[in-house]
Amino acid sequence: MQRRTLLGGLAAMPLACPALAQSFPDRPLTMVLAFPAGGGTDVAARPLARIMEKYLGQPIAIVNRPGASGEIGFTELARAKPDGYTIGFINTPTIVTIPIERPQARFRLDDFAPVLNVVDDPGAIWVLPDSPIRTVADLVAEAKRRPGQVSYGTSGIGSDDHLAVLALERVSGTKFLHVPFAGGAPVRTATISKQIDLAVTNMGEAIGDYRQGLFRPIGQMGTSRWPVMPDVPTFREQGFDVIEGSMRGLAAPAGLPRPVLDRIVDAARKAAMDPEWQAVATQLALPLRLLGPDEYRAELVAMQGHYEKLWAAHPWRE
């Protein structure tokens, strides 16, 4: 696959093309999602796509391409024709960690043109309501009492959930038992049925279970407390320097003409600010963080550098 760089691919395109800007789009678009229907990415992307349609004047067909921790869907998006008619959601950290941990991966970060980040969902560790573990310190003490036996479920090797616990192991001198699953739903089921001790998933993804009394968080991994759940302290506040989460946002194949990119960015931004979307985000308790193309790109590039260094020192895949 010919790779198109984030900067060079865009700079090589003409910055002024009024006819192209006025005619795009003249047919339906496709939005590729690298995770299953009903998951955290899907439930956010579908209503946003529906609202984007009124600003683009064309329907957007959702195509779910789950598998391999996102690699299948990300590859499809990266290999699509860079004409603006195929867009998709990309998720961190897997959009940057997959090429680092898998040399055979068929995409690189440079193969995408960031459009708009929408969600930045902090990681968290959840226990059942009757668990004696109430704080991160409690969890660390239990892990030291039973080294390698306290089990936790994640959405896969190299996911933000997995990397979060590896970070906790490093700062606390502990060892947990990792049980990877294909997504958040089986993690939820395994925790509730007591097959595993802990669910490691994002705050926004598990808040519904929390509100139903099924889960209780022992801490969240943002740099500050999430306003939706202000009573849940961060890991840093509890003395453990662990920052982890998942950004989810729109991207297109790198190399599309700048007027087309600008048109998509404009529609995405308007949709994200639309009262209808804001109401959906509130209902779903989505931790929103809107970043335009340049800011979004800078975050991704910085994250790539961070994980490259982490992989060199502590590879997370055997």
C-alpha atoms as a PDB file:
ATOM      1  CA  MET A   1       0.000   0.000   0.000  1.00  0.00           C
ATOM      2  CA  GLN A   2       1.309   3.434  -0.874  1.00  0.00           C
ATOM      3  CA  ARG A   3       1.433   5.531   2.270  1.00  0.00           C
ATOM      4  CA  ARG A   4       0.327   9.142   2.397  1.00  0.00           C
ATOM      5  CA  THR A   5       1.823  11.233   5.191  1.00  0.00           C
ATOM      6  CA  LEU A   6      -0.312  13.311   7.509  1.00  0.00           C
ATOM      7  CA  LEU A   7       1.472  16.491   6.507  1.00  0.00           C
ATOM      8  CA  GLY A   8       2.857  15.775   3.057  1.00  0.00           C
ATOM      9  CA  GLY A   9      -0.284  14.090   1.766  1.00  0.00           C
ATOM     10  CA  LEU A  10      -2.344  17.164   2.499  1.00  0.00           C
ATOM     11  CA  ALA A  11       0.243  19.712   1.450  1.00  0.00           C
ATOM     12  CA  ALA A  12       0.579  18.086  -1.954  1.00  0.00           C
ATOM     13  CA  MET A  13      -3.075  18.779  -2.721  1.00  0.00           C
ATOM     14  CA  PRO A  14      -4.347  22.097  -4.104  1.00  0.00           C
ATOM     15  CA  LEU A  15      -5.605  24.360  -1.372  1.00  0.00           C
ATOM     16  CA  ALA A  16      -8.099  26.157  -3.571  1.00  0.00           C
ATOM     17  CA  CYS A  17     -10.603  24.339  -5.776  1.00  0.00           C
ATOM     18  CA  PRO A  18     -13.985  26.095  -5.633  1.00  0.00           C
ATOM     19  CA  ALA A  19     -15.713  23.722  -8.046  1.00  0.00           C
ATOM     20  CA  LEU A  20     -14.680  20.673  -6.038  1.00  0.00           C
ATOM     21  CA  ALA A  21     -15.695  22.273  -2.768  1.00  0.00           C
ATOM     22  CA  GLN A  22     -19.111  23.215  -4.169  1.00  0.00           C
ATOM     23  CA  SER A  23     -19.841  19.817  -5.725  1.00  0.00           C
ATOM     24  CA  PHE A  24     -18.794  17.626  -2.800  1.00  0.00           C
ATOM     25  CA  PRO A  25     -20.588  15.515  -1.793  1.00  0.00           C
ATOM     26  CA  ASP A  26     -22.851  14.553  -4.689  1.00  0.00           C
ATOM     27  CA  ARG A  27     -23.519  10.986  -3.534  1.00  0.00           C
ATOM     28  CA  PRO A  28     -23.799   9.031  -0.247  1.00  0.00           C
ATOM     29  CA  LEU A  29     -20.818   8.564   2.080  1.00  0.00           C
ATOM     30  CA  THR A  30     -19.645   5.510   4.004  1.00  0.00           C
ATOM     31  CA  MET A  31     -18.485   5.609   7.615  1.00  0.00           C
ATOM     32  CA  VAL A  32     -16.270   2.671   8.644  1.00  0.00           C
ATOM     33  CA  LEU A  33     -16.296   1.639  12.305  1.00  0.00           C
ATOM     34  CA  ALA A  34     -13.591  -0.755  13.466  1.00  0.00           C
ATOM     35  CA  PHE A  35     -15.656  -2.097  16.368  1.00  0.00           C
ATOM     36  CA  PRO A  36     -18.948  -4.017  16.687  1.00  0.00           C
ATOM     37  CA  ALA A  37     -22.460  -2.632  16.560  1.00  0.00           C
ATOM     38  CA  GLY A  38     -23.676  -1.671  20.024  1.00  0.00           C
ATOM     39  CA  GLY A  39     -20.206  -0.900  21.398  1.00  0.00           C
ATOM     40  CA  GLY A  40     -18.968   2.414  22.715  1.00  0.00           C
ATOM     41  CA  THR A  41     -17.731   3.638  19.327  1.00  0.00           C
ATOM     42  CA  ASP A  42     -20.860   2.525  17.483  1.00  0.00           C
ATOM     43  CA  VAL A  43     -23.411   4.117  19.811  1.00  0.00           C
ATOM     44  CA  ALA A  44     -21.633   7.469  19.533  1.00  0.00           C
ATOM     45  CA  ALA A  45     -20.873   7.342  15.811  1.00  0.00           C
ATOM     46  CA  ARG A  46     -24.352   6.483  14.551  1.00  0.00           C
ATOM     47  CA  PRO A  47     -26.196   9.525  15.953  1.00  0.00           C
ATOM     48  CA  LEU A  48     -23.314  11.807  14.977  1.00  0.00           C
ATOM     49  CA  ALA A  49     -23.419  10.469  11.400  1.00  0.00           C
ATOM     50  CA  ARG A  50     -27.167  11.011  11.265  1.00  0.00           C
ATOM     51  CA  ILE A  51     -26.739  14.657  12.274  1.00  0.00           C
ATOM     52  CA  MET A  52     -23.817  15.151   9.867  1.00  0.00           C
ATOM     53  CA  GLU A  53     -26.128  14.130   7.032  1.00  0.00           C
ATOM     54  CA  LYS A  54     -28.135  17.328   7.281  1.00  0.00           C
ATOM     55  CA  TYR A  55     -24.964  19.425   7.001  1.00  0.00           C
ATOM     56  CA  LEU A  56     -23.575  17.406   4.082  1.00  0.00           C
ATOM     57  CA  GLY A  57     -26.859  16.923   2.261  1.00  0.00           C
ATOM     58  CA  GLN A  58     -26.157  13.232   1.704  1.00  0.00           C
ATOM     59  CA  PRO A  59     -26.819  10.026   3.676  1.00  0.00           C
ATOM     60  CA  ILE A  60     -23.979   8.279   5.505  1.00  0.00           C
ATOM     61  CA  ALA A  61     -23.994   4.474   5.552  1.00  0.00           C
ATOM     62  CA  ILE A  62     -22.455   2.891   8.655  1.00  0.00           C
ATOM     63  CA  VAL A  63     -20.255  -0.164   8.030  1.00  0.00           C
ATOM     64  CA  ASN A  64     -18.961  -2.122  11.024  1.00  0.00           C
ATOM     65  CA  ARG A  65     -15.661  -3.925  10.397  1.00  0.00           C
ATOM     66  CA  PRO A  66     -14.679  -5.324  13.819  1.00  0.00           C
ATOM     67  CA  GLY A  67     -11.775  -7.592  14.586  1.00  0.00           C
ATOM     68  CA  ALA A  68      -8.117  -7.728  15.580  1.00  0.00           C
ATOM     69  CA  SER A  69      -8.515  -4.874  18.100  1.00  0.00           C
ATOM     70  CA  GLY A  70      -9.552  -2.505  15.327  1.00  0.00           C
ATOM     71  CA  GLU A  71      -6.934  -3.458  12.731  1.00  0.00           C
ATOM     72  CA  ILE A  72      -9.468  -4.725  10.185  1.00  0.00           C
ATOM     73  CA  GLY A  73     -11.579  -1.578  10.164  1.00  0.00           C
ATOM     74  CA  PHE A  74      -8.625   0.802  10.376  1.00  0.00           C
ATOM     75  CA  THR A  75      -7.019  -0.947   7.406  1.00  0.00           C
ATOM     76  CA  GLU A  76     -10.178  -0.634   5.343  1.00  0.00           C
ATOM     77  CA  LEU A  77     -10.351   3.086   6.085  1.00  0.00           C
ATOM     78  CA  ALA A  78      -6.655   3.623   5.340  1.00  0.00           C
ATOM     79  CA  ARG A  79      -6.883   1.795   1.998  1.00  0.00           C
ATOM     80  CA  ALA A  80     -10.044   3.591   0.826  1.00  0.00           C
ATOM     81  CA  LYS A  81      -9.905   6.026  -2.079  1.00  0.00           C
ATOM     82  CA  PRO A  82      -9.021   9.486  -0.712  1.00  0.00           C
ATOM     83  CA  ASP A  83     -11.985  11.275  -2.253  1.00  0.00           C
ATOM     84  CA  GLY A  84     -13.954  12.052   0.915  1.00  0.00           C
ATOM     85  CA  TYR A  85     -16.667   9.476   0.329  1.00  0.00           C
ATOM     86  CA  THR A  86     -15.193   7.064   2.887  1.00  0.00           C
ATOM     87  CA  ILE A  87     -14.668   8.353   6.404  1.00  0.00           C
ATOM     88  CA  GLY A  88     -14.487   6.548   9.711  1.00  0.00           C
ATOM     89  CA  PHE A  89     -13.805   6.592  13.410  1.00  0.00           C
ATOM     90  CA  ILE A  90     -10.329   5.955  14.791  1.00  0.00           C
ATOM     91  CA  ASN A  91      -9.658   5.018  18.395  1.00  0.00           C
ATOM     92  CA  THR A  92      -6.663   5.507  20.613  1.00  0.00           C
ATOM     93  CA  PRO A  93      -4.414   3.989  21.606  1.00  0.00           C
ATOM     94  CA  THR A  94      -4.897   1.169  19.085  1.00  0.00           C
ATOM     95  CA  ILE A  95      -4.641   3.448  16.044  1.00  0.00           C
ATOM     96  CA  VAL A  96      -1.026   4.105  17.101  1.00  0.00           C
ATOM     97  CA  THR A  97      -0.169   0.943  19.058  1.00  0.00           C
ATOM     98  CA  ILE A  98      -1.155  -1.636  16.422  1.00  0.00           C
ATOM     99  CA  PRO A  99       1.561  -0.556  13.938  1.00  0.00           C
ATOM    100  CA  ILE A 100       4.080  -0.456  16.803  1.00  0.00           C
ATOM    101  CA  GLU A 101       3.367  -3.942  18.111  1.00  0.00           C
ATOM    102  CA  ARG A 102       2.565  -5.587  14.765  1.00  0.00           C
ATOM    103  CA  PRO A 103       5.204  -4.973  12.051  1.00  0.00           C
ATOM    104  CA  GLN A 104       2.925  -6.712   9.548  1.00  0.00           C
ATOM    105  CA  ALA A 105       0.035  -4.264  10.135  1.00  0.00           C
ATOM    106  CA  ARG A 106      -1.316  -2.881   6.848  1.00  0.00           C
ATOM    107  CA  PHE A 107      -1.683   0.709   8.018  1.00  0.00           C
ATOM    108  CA  ARG A 108       0.328   3.414   9.742  1.00  0.00           C
ATOM    109  CA  LEU A 109      -0.770   6.585  11.470  1.00  0.00           C
ATOM    110  CA  ASP A 110       0.420   8.530   8.426  1.00  0.00           C
ATOM    111  CA  ASP A 111      -2.290   6.841   6.353  1.00  0.00           C
ATOM    112  CA  PHE A 112      -5.030   8.942   7.988  1.00  0.00           C
ATOM    113  CA  ALA A 113      -6.152  12.552   7.776  1.00  0.00           C
ATOM    114  CA  PRO A 114      -7.627  13.498  11.185  1.00  0.00           C
ATOM    115  CA  VAL A 115     -10.965  15.316  10.931  1.00  0.00           C
ATOM    116  CA  LEU A 116     -12.349  15.909  14.422  1.00  0.00           C
ATOM    117  CA  ASN A 117     -11.833  14.199  17.744  1.00  0.00           C
ATOM    118  CA  VAL A 118     -15.138  13.834  19.564  1.00  0.00           C
ATOM    119  CA  VAL A 119     -14.728  11.730  22.721  1.00  0.00           C
ATOM    120  CA  ASP A 120     -11.920  11.416  25.263  1.00  0.00           C
ATOM    121  CA  ASP A 121     -13.052   8.723  27.687  1.00  0.00           C
ATOM    122  CA  PRO A 122     -10.838   8.160  30.760  1.00  0.00           C
ATOM    123  CA  GLY A 123     -10.020   4.630  31.784  1.00  0.00           C
ATOM    124  CA  ALA A 124     -11.248   3.112  35.032  1.00  0.00           C
ATOM    125  CA  ILE A 125     -11.183  -0.075  37.087  1.00  0.00           C
ATOM    126  CA  TRP A 126     -14.538  -1.430  38.226  1.00  0.00           C
ATOM    127  CA  VAL A 127     -15.497  -4.005  40.844  1.00  0.00           C
ATOM    128  CA  LEU A 128     -18.781  -5.532  41.930  1.00  0.00           C
ATOM    129  CA  PRO A 129     -20.695  -3.573  44.587  1.00  0.00           C
ATOM    130  CA  ASP A 130     -19.979  -6.173  47.307  1.00  0.00           C
ATOM    131  CA  SER A 131     -16.216  -6.211  46.665  1.00  0.00           C
ATOM    132  CA  PRO A 132     -14.022  -5.339  49.660  1.00  0.00           C
ATOM    133  CA  ILE A 133     -11.755  -3.395  47.278  1.00  0.00           C
ATOM    134  CA  ARG A 134     -12.714   0.278  47.523  1.00  0.00           C
ATOM    135  CA  THR A 135      -9.558   2.148  46.516  1.00  0.00           C
ATOM    136  CA  VAL A 136      -6.541   1.701  44.289  1.00  0.00           C
ATOM    137  CA  ALA A 137      -4.463   1.129  47.429  1.00  0.00           C
ATOM    138  CA  ASP A 138      -6.815  -1.718  48.403  1.00  0.00           C
ATOM    139  CA  LEU A 139      -6.365  -3.242  44.952  1.00  0.00           C
ATOM    140  CA  VAL A 140      -2.585  -2.989  45.096  1.00  0.00           C
ATOM    141  CA  ALA A 141      -2.549  -4.588  48.550  1.00  0.00           C
ATOM    142  CA  GLU A 142      -4.680  -7.473  47.265  1.00  0.00           C
ATOM    143  CA  ALA A 143      -2.399  -7.925  44.238  1.00  0.00           C
ATOM    144  CA  LYS A 144       0.623  -8.088  46.531  1.00  0.00           C
ATOM    145  CA  ARG A 145      -1.140 -10.620  48.724  1.00  0.00           C
ATOM    146  CA  ARG A 146      -2.024 -12.767  45.687  1.00  0.00           C
ATOM    147  CA  PRO A 147       0.610 -11.988  43.040  1.00  0.00           C
ATOM    148  CA  GLY A 148      -0.464 -12.901  39.505  1.00  0.00           C
ATOM    149  CA  GLN A 149      -3.862 -14.117  40.663  1.00  0.00           C
ATOM    150  CA  VAL A 150      -6.113 -11.020  40.698  1.00  0.00           C
ATOM    151  CA  SER A 151      -7.747 -11.254  37.277  1.00  0.00           C
ATOM    152  CA  TYR A 152      -8.896  -8.394  35.098  1.00  0.00           C
ATOM    153  CA  GLY A 153     -10.725  -8.295  31.785  1.00  0.00           C
ATOM    154  CA  THR A 154     -10.022  -5.915  28.906  1.00  0.00           C
ATOM    155  CA  SER A 155     -11.066  -5.445  25.289  1.00  0.00           C
ATOM    156  CA  GLY A 156      -7.778  -6.920  24.102  1.00  0.00           C
ATOM    157  CA  ILE A 157      -3.996  -6.969  24.215  1.00  0.00           C
ATOM    158  CA  GLY A 158      -2.615  -3.495  23.584  1.00  0.00           C
ATOM    159  CA  SER A 159      -5.931  -1.785  24.311  1.00  0.00           C
ATOM    160  CA  ASP A 160      -5.976   1.289  26.534  1.00  0.00           C
ATOM    161  CA  ASP A 161      -7.439  -0.919  29.272  1.00  0.00           C
ATOM    162  CA  HIS A 162      -4.549  -3.386  29.054  1.00  0.00           C
ATOM    163  CA  LEU A 163      -1.900  -0.664  28.913  1.00  0.00           C
ATOM    164  CA  ALA A 164      -3.481   1.028  31.927  1.00  0.00           C
ATOM    165  CA  VAL A 165      -3.040  -2.034  34.133  1.00  0.00           C
ATOM    166  CA  LEU A 166       0.492  -2.554  32.866  1.00  0.00           C
ATOM    167  CA  ALA A 167       1.207   1.024  33.948  1.00  0.00           C
ATOM    168  CA  LEU A 168      -0.294   0.310  37.366  1.00  0.00           C
ATOM    169  CA  GLU A 169       1.891  -2.786  37.668  1.00  0.00           C
ATOM    170  CA  ARG A 170       4.994  -0.723  36.910  1.00  0.00           C
ATOM    171  CA  VAL A 171       4.263   2.051  39.417  1.00  0.00           C
ATOM    172  CA  SER A 172       3.090  -0.297  42.187  1.00  0.00           C
ATOM    173  CA  GLY A 173       5.400  -3.281  41.780  1.00  0.00           C
ATOM    174  CA  THR A 174       2.502  -5.702  41.348  1.00  0.00           C
ATOM    175  CA  LYS A 175       1.440  -8.379  38.880  1.00  0.00           C
ATOM    176  CA  PHE A 176      -2.143  -9.073  37.781  1.00  0.00           C
ATOM    177  CA  LEU A 177      -3.688 -11.801  35.624  1.00  0.00           C
ATOM    178  CA  HIS A 178      -4.805 -10.448  32.241  1.00  0.00           C
ATOM    179  CA  VAL A 179      -7.860 -12.007  30.575  1.00  0.00           C
ATOM    180  CA  PRO A 180      -8.382 -10.380  27.148  1.00  0.00           C
ATOM    181  CA  PHE A 181     -11.801 -10.413  25.475  1.00  0.00           C
ATOM    182  CA  ALA A 182     -13.110  -9.376  22.053  1.00  0.00           C
ATOM    183  CA  GLY A 183     -14.831  -6.286  23.412  1.00  0.00           C
ATOM    184  CA  GLY A 184     -16.392  -4.562  26.385  1.00  0.00           C
ATOM    185  CA  ALA A 185     -19.603  -6.611  26.468  1.00  0.00           C
ATOM    186  CA  PRO A 186     -17.933  -9.949  27.337  1.00  0.00           C
ATOM    187  CA  VAL A 187     -15.787  -8.188  29.955  1.00  0.00           C
ATOM    188  CA  ARG A 188     -18.992  -6.960  31.569  1.00  0.00           C
ATOM    189  CA  THR A 189     -20.549 -10.448  31.506  1.00  0.00           C
ATOM    190  CA  ALA A 190     -17.453 -12.140  32.927  1.00  0.00           C
ATOM    191  CA  THR A 191     -17.198  -9.629  35.767  1.00  0.00           C
ATOM    192  CA  ILE A 192     -20.854  -9.812  36.737  1.00  0.00           C
ATOM    193  CA  SER A 193     -20.723 -13.636  36.697  1.00  0.00           C
ATOM    194  CA  LYS A 194     -17.555 -13.484  38.867  1.00  0.00           C
ATOM    195  CA  GLN A 195     -15.385 -15.272  36.338  1.00  0.00           C
ATOM    196  CA  ILE A 196     -12.878 -12.415  36.726  1.00  0.00           C
ATOM    197  CA  ASP A 197     -12.199 -10.016  39.576  1.00  0.00           C
ATOM    198  CA  LEU A 198     -12.045  -6.683  37.779  1.00  0.00           C
ATOM    199  CA  ALA A 199     -13.468  -4.956  34.727  1.00  0.00           C
ATOM    200  CA  VAL A 200     -11.103  -2.458  33.147  1.00  0.00           C
ATOM    201  CA  THR A 201     -13.038  -0.203  30.809  1.00  0.00           C
ATOM    202  CA  ASN A 202     -13.700   3.455  30.164  1.00  0.00           C
ATOM    203  CA  MET A 203     -15.825   5.615  32.408  1.00  0.00           C
ATOM    204  CA  GLY A 204     -18.353   6.458  29.724  1.00  0.00           C
ATOM    205  CA  GLU A 205     -18.732   2.823  28.699  1.00  0.00           C
ATOM    206  CA  ALA A 206     -19.549   1.516  32.179  1.00  0.00           C
ATOM    207  CA  ILE A 207     -21.563   4.383  33.637  1.00  0.00           C
ATOM    208  CA  GLY A 208     -24.824   2.649  32.709  1.00  0.00           C
ATOM    209  CA  ASP A 209     -23.873  -0.400  34.764  1.00  0.00           C
ATOM    210  CA  TYR A 210     -22.808   1.888  37.602  1.00  0.00           C
ATOM    211  CA  ARG A 211     -26.176   3.640  37.581  1.00  0.00           C
ATOM    212  CA  GLN A 212     -27.915   0.254  37.680  1.00  0.00           C
ATOM    213  CA  GLY A 213     -25.859  -0.762  40.710  1.00  0.00           C
ATOM    214  CA  LEU A 214     -23.927  -3.473  38.872  1.00  0.00           C
ATOM    215  CA  PHE A 215     -20.439  -1.923  39.018  1.00  0.00           C
ATOM    216  CA  ARG A 216     -18.520   0.352  41.362  1.00  0.00           C
ATOM    217  CA  PRO A 217     -15.413   2.281  40.257  1.00  0.00           C
ATOM    218  CA  ILE A 218     -12.325   2.375  42.481  1.00  0.00           C
ATOM    219  CA  GLY A 219     -10.765   5.209  40.510  1.00  0.00           C
ATOM    220  CA  GLN A 220     -10.550   6.817  37.097  1.00  0.00           C
ATOM    221  CA  MET A 221      -7.469   7.528  35.016  1.00  0.00           C
ATOM    222  CA  GLY A 222      -8.010  11.035  33.693  1.00  0.00           C
ATOM    223  CA  THR A 223      -5.807  13.977  34.542  1.00  0.00           C
ATOM    224  CA  SER A 224      -8.733  15.389  36.521  1.00  0.00           C
ATOM    225  CA  ARG A 225     -12.070  14.141  37.788  1.00  0.00           C
ATOM    226  CA  TRP A 226     -14.819  13.584  35.235  1.00  0.00           C
ATOM    227  CA  PRO A 227     -17.590  16.118  35.948  1.00  0.00           C
ATOM    228  CA  VAL A 228     -20.302  13.510  35.341  1.00  0.00           C
ATOM    229  CA  MET A 229     -18.925  11.447  38.262  1.00  0.00           C
ATOM    230  CA  PRO A 230     -17.114  14.006  40.417  1.00  0.00           C
ATOM    231  CA  ASP A 231     -17.027  11.730  43.467  1.00  0.00           C
ATOM    232  CA  VAL A 232     -14.697   9.252  41.764  1.00  0.00           C
ATOM    233  CA  PRO A 233     -11.069  10.239  42.468  1.00  0.00           C
ATOM    234  CA  THR A 234      -8.310   9.880  39.920  1.00  0.00           C
ATOM    235  CA  PHE A 235      -5.516   7.365  40.273  1.00  0.00           C
ATOM    236  CA  ARG A 236      -3.108  10.292  40.689  1.00  0.00           C
ATOM    237  CA  GLU A 237      -5.114  11.619  43.619  1.00  0.00           C
ATOM    238  CA  GLN A 238      -4.772   8.196  45.215  1.00  0.00           C
ATOM    239  CA  GLY A 239      -1.002   8.195  44.815  1.00  0.00           C
ATOM    240  CA  PHE A 240      -0.621   6.175  41.596  1.00  0.00           C
ATOM    241  CA  ASP A 241       0.543   8.070  38.517  1.00  0.00           C
ATOM    242  CA  VAL A 242      -1.534   6.306  35.861  1.00  0.00           C
ATOM    243  CA  ILE A 243      -3.098   8.336  33.036  1.00  0.00           C
ATOM    244  CA  GLU A 244      -4.941   6.380  30.357  1.00  0.00           C
ATOM    245  CA  GLY A 245      -8.073   6.599  28.239  1.00  0.00           C
ATOM    246  CA  SER A 246      -9.496   6.339  24.756  1.00  0.00           C
ATOM    247  CA  MET A 247      -9.956   9.145  22.263  1.00  0.00           C
ATOM    248  CA  ARG A 248     -12.509   8.522  19.511  1.00  0.00           C
ATOM    249  CA  GLY A 249     -12.813  10.737  16.508  1.00  0.00           C
ATOM    250  CA  LEU A 250     -13.390  11.078  12.802  1.00  0.00           C
ATOM    251  CA  ALA A 251     -10.701  10.572  10.176  1.00  0.00           C
ATOM    252  CA  ALA A 252     -10.397  10.054   6.437  1.00  0.00           C
ATOM    253  CA  PRO A 253      -7.757   8.440   4.238  1.00  0.00           C
ATOM    254  CA  ALA A 254      -4.729  10.699   3.927  1.00  0.00           C
ATOM    255  CA  GLY A 255      -4.279  12.519   0.655  1.00  0.00           C
ATOM    256  CA  LEU A 256      -7.791  13.766   0.000  1.00  0.00           C
ATOM    257  CA  PRO A 257      -8.042  17.286  -1.490  1.00  0.00           C
ATOM    258  CA  ARG A 258      -8.003  20.040   1.114  1.00  0.00           C
ATOM    259  CA  PRO A 259     -11.359  21.548   0.025  1.00  0.00           C
ATOM    260  CA  VAL A 260     -12.982  18.154   0.577  1.00  0.00           C
ATOM    261  CA  LEU A 261     -11.332  17.748   3.969  1.00  0.00           C
ATOM    262  CA  ASP A 262     -12.475  21.233   4.954  1.00  0.00           C
ATOM    263  CA  ARG A 263     -16.048  20.390   3.926  1.00  0.00           C
ATOM    264  CA  ILE A 264     -16.061  17.245   6.057  1.00  0.00           C
ATOM    265  CA  VAL A 265     -14.478  19.060   9.010  1.00  0.00           C
ATOM    266  CA  ASP A 266     -17.103  21.805   8.787  1.00  0.00           C
ATOM    267  CA  ALA A 267     -19.977  19.300   8.747  1.00  0.00           C
ATOM    268  CA  ALA A 268     -18.486  17.271  11.615  1.00  0.00           C
ATOM    269  CA  ARG A 269     -17.911  20.351  13.750  1.00  0.00           C
ATOM    270  CA  LYS A 270     -21.433  21.652  13.154  1.00  0.00           C
ATOM    271  CA  ALA A 271     -22.873  18.235  13.967  1.00  0.00           C
ATOM    272  CA  ALA A 272     -20.843  18.003  17.185  1.00  0.00           C
ATOM    273  CA  MET A 273     -22.146  21.424  18.274  1.00  0.00           C
ATOM    274  CA  ASP A 274     -25.720  20.685  17.213  1.00  0.00           C
ATOM    275  CA  PRO A 275     -28.183  20.690  20.149  1.00  0.00           C
ATOM    276  CA  GLU A 276     -29.500  17.307  19.010  1.00  0.00           C
ATOM    277  CA  TRP A 277     -26.036  15.749  19.283  1.00  0.00           C
ATOM    278  CA  GLN A 278     -25.326  17.484  22.573  1.00  0.00           C
ATOM    279  CA  ALA A 279     -28.523  15.947  23.948  1.00  0.00           C
ATOM    280  CA  VAL A 280     -27.443  12.504  22.735  1.00  0.00           C
ATOM    281  CA  ALA A 281     -23.999  12.960  24.275  1.00  0.00           C
ATOM    282  CA  THR A 282     -25.571  13.934  27.583  1.00  0.00           C
ATOM    283  CA  GLN A 283     -27.894  10.941  27.502  1.00  0.00           C
ATOM    284  CA  LEU A 284     -25.004   8.581  26.744  1.00  0.00           C
ATOM    285  CA  ALA A 285     -22.725  10.345  29.270  1.00  0.00           C
ATOM    286  CA  LEU A 286     -20.018  10.761  26.648  1.00  0.00           C
ATOM    287  CA  PRO A 287     -16.899  12.610  27.832  1.00  0.00           C
ATOM    288  CA  LEU A 288     -16.614  15.095  24.948  1.00  0.00           C
ATOM    289  CA  ARG A 289     -13.391  16.737  23.798  1.00  0.00           C
ATOM    290  CA  LEU A 290     -13.560  18.426  20.415  1.00  0.00           C
ATOM    291  CA  LEU A 291     -10.228  18.821  18.618  1.00  0.00           C
ATOM    292  CA  GLY A 292      -9.863  20.163  15.078  1.00  0.00           C
ATOM    293  CA  PRO A 293      -7.574  18.513  12.505  1.00  0.00           C
ATOM    294  CA  ASP A 294      -4.319  20.190  13.548  1.00  0.00           C
ATOM    295  CA  GLU A 295      -4.816  19.726  17.307  1.00  0.00           C
ATOM    296  CA  TYR A 296      -6.021  16.179  16.773  1.00  0.00           C
ATOM    297  CA  ARG A 297      -2.996  15.345  14.616  1.00  0.00           C
ATOM    298  CA  ALA A 298      -0.638  16.791  17.215  1.00  0.00           C
ATOM    299  CA  GLU A 299      -2.204  14.630  19.951  1.00  0.00           C
ATOM    300  CA  LEU A 300      -1.893  11.495  17.837  1.00  0.00           C
ATOM    301  CA  VAL A 301       1.718  12.156  16.866  1.00  0.00           C
ATOM    302  CA  ALA A 302       2.673  12.846  20.505  1.00  0.00           C
ATOM    303  CA  MET A 303       0.887   9.664  21.556  1.00  0.00           C
ATOM    304  CA  GLN A 304       2.734   7.691  18.914  1.00  0.00           C
ATOM    305  CA  GLY A 305       6.070   8.892  20.280  1.00  0.00           C
ATOM    306  CA  HIS A 306       5.017   8.004  23.831  1.00  0.00           C
ATOM    307  CA  TYR A 307       4.023   4.453  22.936  1.00  0.00           C
ATOM    308  CA  GLU A 308       7.089   3.874  20.777  1.00  0.00           C
ATOM    309  CA  LYS A 309       9.238   4.651  23.821  1.00  0.00           C
ATOM    310  CA  LEU A 310       7.037   2.522  26.055  1.00  0.00           C
ATOM    311  CA  TRP A 311       7.226  -0.421  23.651  1.00  0.00           C
ATOM    312  CA  ALA A 312      11.008  -0.176  23.524  1.00  0.00           C
ATOM    313  CA  ALA A 313      11.206  -0.354  27.307  1.00  0.00           C
ATOM    314  CA  HIS A 314       8.169  -2.516  28.179  1.00  0.00           C
ATOM    315  CA  PRO A 315       6.688  -4.403  25.221  1.00  0.00           C
ATOM    316  CA  TRP A 316       3.125  -5.354  26.079  1.00  0.00           C
ATOM    317  CA  ARG A 317       2.767  -8.232  23.607  1.00  0.00           C
ATOM    318  CA  GLU A 318       4.870 -11.355  23.968  1.00  0.00           C
END
